[in-house]
PDB file of N, CA and C in Angstrom:
ATOM      1  N   MET A   1     146.945  52.939 104.092  1.00  0.00           N
ATOM      2  CA  MET A   1     146.165  52.773 105.290  1.00  0.00           C
ATOM      3  C   MET A   1     144.681  52.798 104.958  1.00  0.00           C
ATOM      4  N   LYS A   2     143.901  52.115 105.778  1.00  0.00           N
ATOM      5  CA  LYS A   2     142.462  52.103 105.561  1.00  0.00           C
ATOM      6  C   LYS A   2     141.873  53.473 105.842  1.00  0.00           C
ATOM      7  N   LYS A   3     140.902  53.833 105.047  1.00  0.00           N
ATOM      8  CA  LYS A   3     140.202  55.099 105.234  1.00  0.00           C
ATOM      9  C   LYS A   3     139.258  54.985 106.429  1.00  0.00           C
ATOM     10  N   ASP A   4     139.136  56.063 107.201  1.00  0.00           N
ATOM     11  CA  ASP A   4     138.249  56.126 108.368  1.00  0.00           C
ATOM     12  C   ASP A   4     138.565  55.052 109.413  1.00  0.00           C
ATOM     13  N   LEU A   5     139.854  54.786 109.611  1.00  0.00           N
ATOM     14  CA  LEU A   5     140.275  53.780 110.580  1.00  0.00           C
ATOM     15  C   LEU A   5     140.078  54.270 112.016  1.00  0.00           C
ATOM     16  N   HIS A   6     140.384  55.538 112.269  1.00  0.00           N
ATOM     17  CA  HIS A   6     140.264  56.096 113.616  1.00  0.00           C
ATOM     18  C   HIS A   6     138.943  56.845 113.777  1.00  0.00           C
ATOM     19  N   PRO A   7     138.419  56.903 115.004  1.00  0.00           N
ATOM     20  CA  PRO A   7     137.209  57.688 115.252  1.00  0.00           C
ATOM     21  C   PRO A   7     137.465  59.180 115.005  1.00  0.00           C
ATOM     22  N   GLU A   8     136.401  59.949 114.864  1.00  0.00           N
ATOM     23  CA  GLU A   8     136.547  61.376 114.596  1.00  0.00           C
ATOM     24  C   GLU A   8     137.184  62.126 115.756  1.00  0.00           C
ATOM     25  N   SER A   9     137.044  61.623 116.982  1.00  0.00           N
ATOM     26  CA  SER A   9     137.607  62.301 118.150  1.00  0.00           C
ATOM     27  C   SER A   9     139.097  62.004 118.352  1.00  0.00           C
ATOM     28  N   TYR A  10     139.713  61.244 117.448  1.00  0.00           N
ATOM     29  CA  TYR A  10     141.139  60.911 117.549  1.00  0.00           C
ATOM     30  C   TYR A  10     141.975  62.138 117.201  1.00  0.00           C
ATOM     31  N   ARG A  11     142.854  62.543 118.141  1.00  0.00           N
ATOM     32  CA  ARG A  11     143.726  63.693 117.925  1.00  0.00           C
ATOM     33  C   ARG A  11     144.943  63.562 118.828  1.00  0.00           C
ATOM     34  N   GLN A  12     145.911  64.459 118.708  1.00  0.00           N
ATOM     35  CA  GLN A  12     147.096  64.465 119.550  1.00  0.00           C
ATOM     36  C   GLN A  12     146.718  65.017 120.927  1.00  0.00           C
ATOM     37  N   VAL A  13     147.147  64.326 121.997  1.00  0.00           N
ATOM     38  CA  VAL A  13     146.840  64.723 123.363  1.00  0.00           C
ATOM     39  C   VAL A  13     148.123  64.680 124.184  1.00  0.00           C
ATOM     40  N   ILE A  14     148.306  65.660 125.071  1.00  0.00           N
ATOM     41  CA  ILE A  14     149.436  65.658 126.000  1.00  0.00           C
ATOM     42  C   ILE A  14     149.008  64.887 127.238  1.00  0.00           C
ATOM     43  N   PHE A  15     149.745  63.823 127.561  1.00  0.00           N
ATOM     44  CA  PHE A  15     149.516  63.081 128.794  1.00  0.00           C
ATOM     45  C   PHE A  15     150.546  63.559 129.807  1.00  0.00           C
ATOM     46  N   ASP A  16     150.067  64.107 130.926  1.00  0.00           N
ATOM     47  CA  ASP A  16     150.910  64.702 131.950  1.00  0.00           C
ATOM     48  C   ASP A  16     150.954  63.775 133.155  1.00  0.00           C
ATOM     49  N   ASP A  17     152.126  63.174 133.410  1.00  0.00           N
ATOM     50  CA  ASP A  17     152.309  62.276 134.550  1.00  0.00           C
ATOM     51  C   ASP A  17     152.543  63.130 135.793  1.00  0.00           C
ATOM     52  N   SER A  18     151.567  63.161 136.702  1.00  0.00           N
ATOM     53  CA  SER A  18     151.662  64.012 137.886  1.00  0.00           C
ATOM     54  C   SER A  18     152.690  63.499 138.890  1.00  0.00           C
ATOM     55  N   THR A  19     153.064  62.222 138.820  1.00  0.00           N
ATOM     56  CA  THR A  19     154.038  61.667 139.743  1.00  0.00           C
ATOM     57  C   THR A  19     155.463  62.041 139.363  1.00  0.00           C
ATOM     58  N   SER A  20     155.802  61.888 138.086  1.00  0.00           N
ATOM     59  CA  SER A  20     157.181  62.142 137.654  1.00  0.00           C
ATOM     60  C   SER A  20     157.376  63.505 137.014  1.00  0.00           C
ATOM     61  N   GLY A  21     156.290  64.146 136.595  1.00  0.00           N
ATOM     62  CA  GLY A  21     156.408  65.440 135.935  1.00  0.00           C
ATOM     63  C   GLY A  21     156.690  65.344 134.443  1.00  0.00           C
ATOM     64  N   LYS A  22     156.779  64.137 133.917  1.00  0.00           N
ATOM     65  CA  LYS A  22     157.031  63.938 132.482  1.00  0.00           C
ATOM     66  C   LYS A  22     155.747  64.150 131.699  1.00  0.00           C
ATOM     67  N   ARG A  23     155.900  64.558 130.447  1.00  0.00           N
ATOM     68  CA  ARG A  23     154.755  64.766 129.554  1.00  0.00           C
ATOM     69  C   ARG A  23     155.011  64.048 128.238  1.00  0.00           C
ATOM     70  N   PHE A  24     153.947  63.470 127.669  1.00  0.00           N
ATOM     71  CA  PHE A  24     154.024  62.723 126.425  1.00  0.00           C
ATOM     72  C   PHE A  24     152.963  63.246 125.462  1.00  0.00           C
ATOM     73  N   LEU A  25     153.305  63.384 124.199  1.00  0.00           N
ATOM     74  CA  LEU A  25     152.338  63.765 123.165  1.00  0.00           C
ATOM     75  C   LEU A  25     152.005  62.516 122.367  1.00  0.00           C
ATOM     76  N   ILE A  26     150.759  62.050 122.504  1.00  0.00           N
ATOM     77  CA  ILE A  26     150.337  60.781 121.912  1.00  0.00           C
ATOM     78  C   ILE A  26     148.952  60.956 121.301  1.00  0.00           C
ATOM     79  N   GLY A  27     148.665  60.240 120.239  1.00  0.00           N
ATOM     80  CA  GLY A  27     147.336  60.245 119.654  1.00  0.00           C
ATOM     81  C   GLY A  27     146.367  59.497 120.547  1.00  0.00           C
ATOM     82  N   SER A  28     145.185  60.083 120.784  1.00  0.00           N
ATOM     83  CA  SER A  28     144.212  59.465 121.674  1.00  0.00           C
ATOM     84  C   SER A  28     142.808  59.992 121.396  1.00  0.00           C
ATOM     85  N   THR A  29     141.809  59.293 121.942  1.00  0.00           N
ATOM     86  CA  THR A  29     140.415  59.736 121.868  1.00  0.00           C
ATOM     87  C   THR A  29     139.894  60.136 123.242  1.00  0.00           C
ATOM     88  N   VAL A  30     140.757  60.210 124.249  1.00  0.00           N
ATOM     89  CA  VAL A  30     140.348  60.520 125.615  1.00  0.00           C
ATOM     90  C   VAL A  30     139.715  61.916 125.671  1.00  0.00           C
ATOM     91  N   GLU A  31     138.650  62.045 126.486  1.00  0.00           N
ATOM     92  CA  GLU A  31     137.957  63.321 126.646  1.00  0.00           C
ATOM     93  C   GLU A  31     138.727  64.200 127.622  1.00  0.00           C
ATOM     94  N   THR A  32     138.970  65.460 127.262  1.00  0.00           N
ATOM     95  CA  THR A  32     139.686  66.392 128.127  1.00  0.00           C
ATOM     96  C   THR A  32     138.996  67.746 128.124  1.00  0.00           C
ATOM     97  N   THR A  33     139.303  68.544 129.142  1.00  0.00           N
ATOM     98  CA  THR A  33     138.775  69.897 129.199  1.00  0.00           C
ATOM     99  C   THR A  33     139.888  70.937 129.194  1.00  0.00           C
ATOM    100  N   LYS A  34     141.099  70.545 129.596  1.00  0.00           N
ATOM    101  CA  LYS A  34     142.234  71.466 129.666  1.00  0.00           C
ATOM    102  C   LYS A  34     143.046  71.426 128.377  1.00  0.00           C
ATOM    103  N   THR A  35     143.741  72.517 128.102  1.00  0.00           N
ATOM    104  CA  THR A  35     144.683  72.560 126.983  1.00  0.00           C
ATOM    105  C   THR A  35     145.973  73.205 127.460  1.00  0.00           C
ATOM    106  N   ASP A  36     147.069  72.925 126.752  1.00  0.00           N
ATOM    107  CA  ASP A  36     148.366  73.506 127.080  1.00  0.00           C
ATOM    108  C   ASP A  36     149.244  73.484 125.840  1.00  0.00           C
ATOM    109  N   LYS A  37     150.296  74.299 125.855  1.00  0.00           N
ATOM    110  CA  LYS A  37     151.215  74.332 124.713  1.00  0.00           C
ATOM    111  C   LYS A  37     152.262  73.241 124.846  1.00  0.00           C
ATOM    112  N   TRP A  38     152.614  72.656 123.713  1.00  0.00           N
ATOM    113  CA  TRP A  38     153.636  71.624 123.639  1.00  0.00           C
ATOM    114  C   TRP A  38     154.940  72.271 123.171  1.00  0.00           C
ATOM    115  N   GLU A  39     156.007  71.523 123.088  1.00  0.00           N
ATOM    116  CA  GLU A  39     157.327  72.021 122.699  1.00  0.00           C
ATOM    117  C   GLU A  39     157.343  72.643 121.306  1.00  0.00           C
ATOM    118  N   ASP A  40     156.429  72.229 120.434  1.00  0.00           N
ATOM    119  CA  ASP A  40     156.390  72.768 119.076  1.00  0.00           C
ATOM    120  C   ASP A  40     155.626  74.090 118.988  1.00  0.00           C
ATOM    121  N   GLY A  41     155.113  74.591 120.122  1.00  0.00           N
ATOM    122  CA  GLY A  41     154.396  75.862 120.158  1.00  0.00           C
ATOM    123  C   GLY A  41     152.907  75.747 119.911  1.00  0.00           C
ATOM    124  N   LYS A  42     152.434  74.570 119.513  1.00  0.00           N
ATOM    125  CA  LYS A  42     151.007  74.375 119.271  1.00  0.00           C
ATOM    126  C   LYS A  42     150.296  74.011 120.570  1.00  0.00           C
ATOM    127  N   GLU A  43     148.998  74.287 120.610  1.00  0.00           N
ATOM    128  CA  GLU A  43     148.192  73.985 121.789  1.00  0.00           C
ATOM    129  C   GLU A  43     147.454  72.664 121.583  1.00  0.00           C
ATOM    130  N   TYR A  44     147.515  71.798 122.603  1.00  0.00           N
ATOM    131  CA  TYR A  44     146.895  70.474 122.548  1.00  0.00           C
ATOM    132  C   TYR A  44     146.076  70.247 123.811  1.00  0.00           C
ATOM    133  N   PRO A  45     145.106  69.328 123.766  1.00  0.00           N
ATOM    134  CA  PRO A  45     144.387  68.939 124.980  1.00  0.00           C
ATOM    135  C   PRO A  45     145.349  68.243 125.945  1.00  0.00           C
ATOM    136  N   VAL A  46     145.102  68.388 127.258  1.00  0.00           N
ATOM    137  CA  VAL A  46     145.951  67.783 128.289  1.00  0.00           C
ATOM    138  C   VAL A  46     145.121  66.822 129.122  1.00  0.00           C
ATOM    139  N   PHE A  47     145.695  65.641 129.416  1.00  0.00           N
ATOM    140  CA  PHE A  47     145.051  64.654 130.277  1.00  0.00           C
ATOM    141  C   PHE A  47     146.030  64.273 131.375  1.00  0.00           C
ATOM    142  N   GLN A  48     145.606  64.396 132.643  1.00  0.00           N
ATOM    143  CA  GLN A  48     146.456  64.068 133.788  1.00  0.00           C
ATOM    144  C   GLN A  48     146.392  62.568 134.078  1.00  0.00           C
ATOM    145  N   VAL A  49     147.556  61.944 134.264  1.00  0.00           N
ATOM    146  CA  VAL A  49     147.633  60.548 134.680  1.00  0.00           C
ATOM    147  C   VAL A  49     148.503  60.460 135.928  1.00  0.00           C
ATOM    148  N   GLU A  50     148.231  59.479 136.777  1.00  0.00           N
ATOM    149  CA  GLU A  50     149.017  59.307 138.001  1.00  0.00           C
ATOM    150  C   GLU A  50     150.260  58.456 137.751  1.00  0.00           C
ATOM    151  N   ILE A  51     150.162  57.499 136.844  1.00  0.00           N
ATOM    152  CA  ILE A  51     151.275  56.587 136.593  1.00  0.00           C
ATOM    153  C   ILE A  51     151.448  56.407 135.091  1.00  0.00           C
ATOM    154  N   SER A  52     152.679  56.489 134.632  1.00  0.00           N
ATOM    155  CA  SER A  52     153.013  56.231 133.231  1.00  0.00           C
ATOM    156  C   SER A  52     154.309  55.432 133.203  1.00  0.00           C
ATOM    157  N   SER A  53     154.854  55.212 132.033  1.00  0.00           N
ATOM    158  CA  SER A  53     156.115  54.484 131.940  1.00  0.00           C
ATOM    159  C   SER A  53     157.258  55.246 132.605  1.00  0.00           C
ATOM    160  N   ALA A  54     157.094  56.548 132.808  1.00  0.00           N
ATOM    161  CA  ALA A  54     158.136  57.349 133.457  1.00  0.00           C
ATOM    162  C   ALA A  54     158.138  57.181 134.973  1.00  0.00           C
ATOM    163  N   SER A  55     157.032  56.679 135.546  1.00  0.00           N
ATOM    164  CA  SER A  55     156.970  56.551 136.999  1.00  0.00           C
ATOM    165  C   SER A  55     156.628  55.141 137.484  1.00  0.00           C
ATOM    166  N   HIS A  56     156.257  54.239 136.605  1.00  0.00           N
ATOM    167  CA  HIS A  56     155.885  52.886 137.017  1.00  0.00           C
ATOM    168  C   HIS A  56     157.137  52.081 137.373  1.00  0.00           C
ATOM    169  N   PRO A  57     157.121  51.384 138.528  1.00  0.00           N
ATOM    170  CA  PRO A  57     158.308  50.621 138.958  1.00  0.00           C
ATOM    171  C   PRO A  57     158.786  49.574 137.956  1.00  0.00           C
ATOM    172  N   PHE A  58     157.892  49.016 137.161  1.00  0.00           N
ATOM    173  CA  PHE A  58     158.305  48.018 136.177  1.00  0.00           C
ATOM    174  C   PHE A  58     159.279  48.624 135.173  1.00  0.00           C
ATOM    175  N   TYR A  59     159.027  49.849 134.741  1.00  0.00           N
ATOM    176  CA  TYR A  59     159.870  50.503 133.747  1.00  0.00           C
ATOM    177  C   TYR A  59     161.070  51.216 134.361  1.00  0.00           C
ATOM    178  N   THR A  60     160.912  51.754 135.575  1.00  0.00           N
ATOM    179  CA  THR A  60     162.000  52.518 136.191  1.00  0.00           C
ATOM    180  C   THR A  60     162.960  51.641 136.967  1.00  0.00           C
ATOM    181  N   GLY A  61     162.495  50.473 137.417  1.00  0.00           N
ATOM    182  CA  GLY A  61     163.341  49.587 138.213  1.00  0.00           C
ATOM    183  C   GLY A  61     163.450  50.033 139.663  1.00  0.00           C
ATOM    184  N   GLN A  62     162.701  51.040 140.051  1.00  0.00           N
ATOM    185  CA  GLN A  62     162.721  51.542 141.422  1.00  0.00           C
ATOM    186  C   GLN A  62     161.354  51.321 142.052  1.00  0.00           C
ATOM    187  N   SER A  63     161.365  50.721 143.229  1.00  0.00           N
ATOM    188  CA  SER A  63     160.111  50.485 143.925  1.00  0.00           C
ATOM    189  C   SER A  63     159.836  51.643 144.872  1.00  0.00           C
ATOM    190  N   LYS A  64     158.655  52.229 144.758  1.00  0.00           N
ATOM    191  CA  LYS A  64     158.264  53.304 145.667  1.00  0.00           C
ATOM    192  C   LYS A  64     156.756  53.300 145.810  1.00  0.00           C
ATOM    193  N   THR A  65     156.274  53.843 146.915  1.00  0.00           N
ATOM    194  CA  THR A  65     154.845  53.920 147.169  1.00  0.00           C
ATOM    195  C   THR A  65     154.323  55.241 146.644  1.00  0.00           C
ATOM    196  N   ILE A  66     153.332  55.167 145.774  1.00  0.00           N
ATOM    197  CA  ILE A  66     152.707  56.360 145.231  1.00  0.00           C
ATOM    198  C   ILE A  66     151.320  56.452 145.843  1.00  0.00           C
ATOM    199  N   ASP A  67     151.112  57.447 146.673  1.00  0.00           N
ATOM    200  CA  ASP A  67     149.849  57.595 147.382  1.00  0.00           C
ATOM    201  C   ASP A  67     149.273  58.973 147.091  1.00  0.00           C
ATOM    202  N   THR A  68     148.478  59.073 146.039  1.00  0.00           N
ATOM    203  CA  THR A  68     147.936  60.376 145.669  1.00  0.00           C
ATOM    204  C   THR A  68     146.616  60.677 146.336  1.00  0.00           C
ATOM    205  N   ALA A  69     145.922  59.666 146.822  1.00  0.00           N
ATOM    206  CA  ALA A  69     144.595  59.908 147.397  1.00  0.00           C
ATOM    207  C   ALA A  69     144.543  59.584 148.887  1.00  0.00           C
ATOM    208  N   GLY A  70     145.696  59.372 149.530  1.00  0.00           N
ATOM    209  CA  GLY A  70     145.718  59.067 150.951  1.00  0.00           C
ATOM    210  C   GLY A  70     145.258  57.664 151.269  1.00  0.00           C
ATOM    211  N   ARG A  71     145.310  56.765 150.303  1.00  0.00           N
ATOM    212  CA  ARG A  71     144.817  55.398 150.497  1.00  0.00           C
ATOM    213  C   ARG A  71     145.640  54.634 151.531  1.00  0.00           C
ATOM    214  N   VAL A  72     146.956  54.854 151.530  1.00  0.00           N
ATOM    215  CA  VAL A  72     147.819  54.133 152.469  1.00  0.00           C
ATOM    216  C   VAL A  72     147.494  54.546 153.898  1.00  0.00           C
ATOM    217  N   GLU A  73     147.338  55.837 154.128  1.00  0.00           N
ATOM    218  CA  GLU A  73     147.006  56.327 155.469  1.00  0.00           C
ATOM    219  C   GLU A  73     145.644  55.816 155.927  1.00  0.00           C
ATOM    220  N   LYS A  74     144.664  55.784 155.034  1.00  0.00           N
ATOM    221  CA  LYS A  74     143.338  55.273 155.382  1.00  0.00           C
ATOM    222  C   LYS A  74     143.421  53.802 155.783  1.00  0.00           C
ATOM    223  N   PHE A  75     144.228  53.021 155.034  1.00  0.00           N
ATOM    224  CA  PHE A  75     144.390  51.612 155.348  1.00  0.00           C
ATOM    225  C   PHE A  75     145.053  51.442 156.707  1.00  0.00           C
ATOM    226  N   LYS A  76     146.112  52.203 156.971  1.00  0.00           N
ATOM    227  CA  LYS A  76     146.813  52.099 158.253  1.00  0.00           C
ATOM    228  C   LYS A  76     145.889  52.451 159.411  1.00  0.00           C
ATOM    229  N   THR A  77     145.022  53.448 159.227  1.00  0.00           N
ATOM    230  CA  THR A  77     144.071  53.842 160.263  1.00  0.00           C
ATOM    231  C   THR A  77     143.073  52.723 160.533  1.00  0.00           C
ATOM    232  N   ARG A  78     142.538  52.121 159.457  1.00  0.00           N
ATOM    233  CA  ARG A  78     141.590  51.011 159.622  1.00  0.00           C
ATOM    234  C   ARG A  78     142.259  49.814 160.286  1.00  0.00           C
ATOM    235  N   ALA A  79     143.491  49.504 159.886  1.00  0.00           N
ATOM    236  CA  ALA A  79     144.205  48.363 160.452  1.00  0.00           C
ATOM    237  C   ALA A  79     144.476  48.583 161.939  1.00  0.00           C
ATOM    238  N   ALA A  80     144.852  49.792 162.312  1.00  0.00           N
ATOM    239  CA  ALA A  80     145.113  50.094 163.719  1.00  0.00           C
ATOM    240  C   ALA A  80     143.827  50.012 164.534  1.00  0.00           C
ATOM    241  N   ALA A  81     142.717  50.470 163.976  1.00  0.00           N
ATOM    242  CA  ALA A  81     141.434  50.410 164.668  1.00  0.00           C
ATOM    243  C   ALA A  81     140.997  48.964 164.889  1.00  0.00           C
ATOM    244  N   LYS A  82     141.201  48.111 163.921  1.00  0.00           N
ATOM    245  CA  LYS A  82     140.837  46.703 164.060  1.00  0.00           C
ATOM    246  C   LYS A  82     141.714  46.015 165.095  1.00  0.00           C
ATOM    247  N   LYS A  83     142.985  46.387 165.106  1.00  0.00           N
ATOM    248  CA  LYS A  83     143.930  45.782 166.058  1.00  0.00           C
ATOM    249  C   LYS A  83     143.527  46.114 167.487  1.00  0.00           C
ATOM    250  N   THR A  84     143.147  47.360 167.751  1.00  0.00           N
ATOM    251  CA  THR A  84     142.735  47.760 169.103  1.00  0.00           C
ATOM    252  C   THR A  84     141.364  47.181 169.451  1.00  0.00           C
ATOM    253  N   ALA A  85     140.509  46.977 168.461  1.00  0.00           N
ATOM    254  CA  ALA A  85     139.187  46.402 168.709  1.00  0.00           C
ATOM    255  C   ALA A  85     139.297  44.933 169.123  1.00  0.00           C
ATOM    256  N   LYS A  86     140.285  44.211 168.591  1.00  0.00           N
ATOM    257  CA  LYS A  86     140.488  42.804 168.928  1.00  0.00           C
ATOM    258  C   LYS A  86     140.941  42.640 170.367  1.00  0.00           C
ATOM    259  N   LYS A  87     141.721  43.607 170.861  1.00  0.00           N
ATOM    260  CA  LYS A  87     142.260  43.513 172.235  1.00  0.00           C
ATOM    261  C   LYS A  87     141.216  43.854 173.194  1.00  0.00           C
TER     262      LYS A  87
END
């Protein structure tokens, strides 16, 4: 392998899928502030993600609405307000 191929900040990081509850240990350069223990007993940085291969409909084959920030409700409220404004 080539020497100095990865940046200095490259290390093992736990990616925690908040939708499915699955966790993955993957090499990354992502900036994190939290740490947690992995199955091997070592402590690694943790990065929260909303969607991963464990929860994305393309990989799971199940279609579902994931609304972590209330975006669907905000849209429905705006749509209802516009509908009443037209009448």
